[in-house]
Amino acid sequence: MNIGEAVRERILELCRERELSINKLCSMSGVTQSTVNNIISGRNRSATVSTIQKLCDGLGITIEEFFHSPLFRGLEQELQ
């Protein structure tokens, strides 16, 4: 798994836990639907920290809580 896949999975996981649709998350966070759709679909594999922070604000969590997940342990090295 790479960082883009981990971010995608974490967003989906947090939405499931809170019973939120992607559309509702976009409304709550102020991130455009197209941006989130691109992250979820894998077209955007490098979400910015600013976008992740906005999503966290919408979810009511800190960025530290977002990344505090087994998904981010043992990621593939990006530079080979």
Protein backbone atom coordinates (compact mmCIF):
# COMPACT_ATOMS: atom_id res chain seq x y z
CA MET A 1 0.00 0.00 0.00
CA ASN A 2 1.23 3.50 -0.78
CA ILE A 3 0.36 6.79 0.94
CA GLY A 4 -2.39 7.68 -1.55
CA GLU A 5 -4.13 4.36 -1.01
CA ALA A 6 -3.79 4.70 2.76
CA VAL A 7 -5.32 8.21 2.72
CA ARG A 8 -8.17 6.93 0.54
CA GLU A 9 -8.86 4.00 2.87
CA ARG A 10 -8.69 6.21 5.96
CA ILE A 11 -11.23 8.68 4.55
CA LEU A 12 -13.59 5.85 3.68
CA GLU A 13 -13.07 4.24 7.10
CA LEU A 14 -13.84 7.49 8.95
CA CYS A 15 -16.95 8.07 6.85
CA ARG A 16 -18.19 4.53 7.56
CA GLU A 17 -17.58 4.94 11.30
CA ARG A 18 -19.61 8.17 11.31
CA GLU A 19 -22.19 6.96 8.79
CA LEU A 20 -21.35 9.88 6.50
CA SER A 21 -21.57 9.98 2.74
CA ILE A 22 -18.72 11.49 0.77
CA ASN A 23 -21.10 14.27 -0.24
CA LYS A 24 -21.87 15.07 3.41
CA LEU A 25 -18.14 15.06 4.26
CA CYS A 26 -17.55 17.57 1.46
CA SER A 27 -20.29 19.84 2.82
CA MET A 28 -18.93 19.60 6.37
CA SER A 29 -15.32 20.23 5.39
CA GLY A 30 -15.59 22.72 2.55
CA VAL A 31 -13.57 20.46 0.24
CA THR A 32 -15.03 20.20 -3.24
CA GLN A 33 -16.78 17.01 -4.29
CA SER A 34 -14.43 16.67 -7.27
CA THR A 35 -11.35 16.84 -5.05
CA VAL A 36 -12.62 14.14 -2.71
CA ASN A 37 -13.84 12.02 -5.62
CA ASN A 38 -10.38 12.23 -7.20
CA ILE A 39 -8.76 11.08 -3.94
CA ILE A 40 -11.26 8.24 -3.47
CA SER A 41 -11.01 7.06 -7.08
CA GLY A 42 -7.21 7.13 -7.06
CA ARG A 43 -6.91 9.81 -9.76
CA ASN A 44 -5.28 12.06 -7.16
CA ARG A 45 -2.68 10.00 -5.30
CA SER A 46 -1.15 12.90 -3.40
CA ALA A 47 -3.76 14.82 -1.43
CA THR A 48 -2.29 17.96 0.09
CA VAL A 49 -1.88 18.35 3.82
CA SER A 50 -4.20 21.36 3.55
CA THR A 51 -6.96 19.19 2.03
CA ILE A 52 -6.48 16.51 4.66
CA GLN A 53 -6.63 19.19 7.38
CA LYS A 54 -9.93 20.50 6.01
CA LEU A 55 -11.35 16.97 5.94
CA CYS A 56 -10.20 16.49 9.54
CA ASP A 57 -11.86 19.75 10.55
CA GLY A 58 -15.10 18.55 8.96
CA LEU A 59 -14.81 15.22 10.77
CA GLY A 60 -14.00 16.92 14.08
CA ILE A 61 -10.63 15.20 14.47
CA THR A 62 -7.03 16.33 14.51
CA ILE A 63 -4.62 15.55 11.72
CA GLU A 64 -2.72 13.44 14.26
CA GLU A 65 -5.85 11.33 14.79
CA PHE A 66 -6.24 10.96 11.03
CA PHE A 67 -2.76 9.49 10.65
CA HIS A 68 -2.94 7.45 13.87
CA SER A 69 -4.07 4.31 12.08
CA PRO A 70 -2.50 0.97 11.20
CA LEU A 71 -3.01 1.95 7.55
CA PHE A 72 -0.01 4.27 7.78
CA ARG A 73 2.37 1.78 9.36
CA GLY A 74 4.74 0.01 7.03
CA LEU A 75 3.92 2.03 3.92
CA GLU A 76 5.96 1.45 0.80
CA GLN A 77 8.90 3.74 0.40
CA GLU A 78 7.96 6.42 -2.14
CA LEU A 79 11.49 7.00 -3.43
CA GLN A 80 13.10 3.94 -4.90
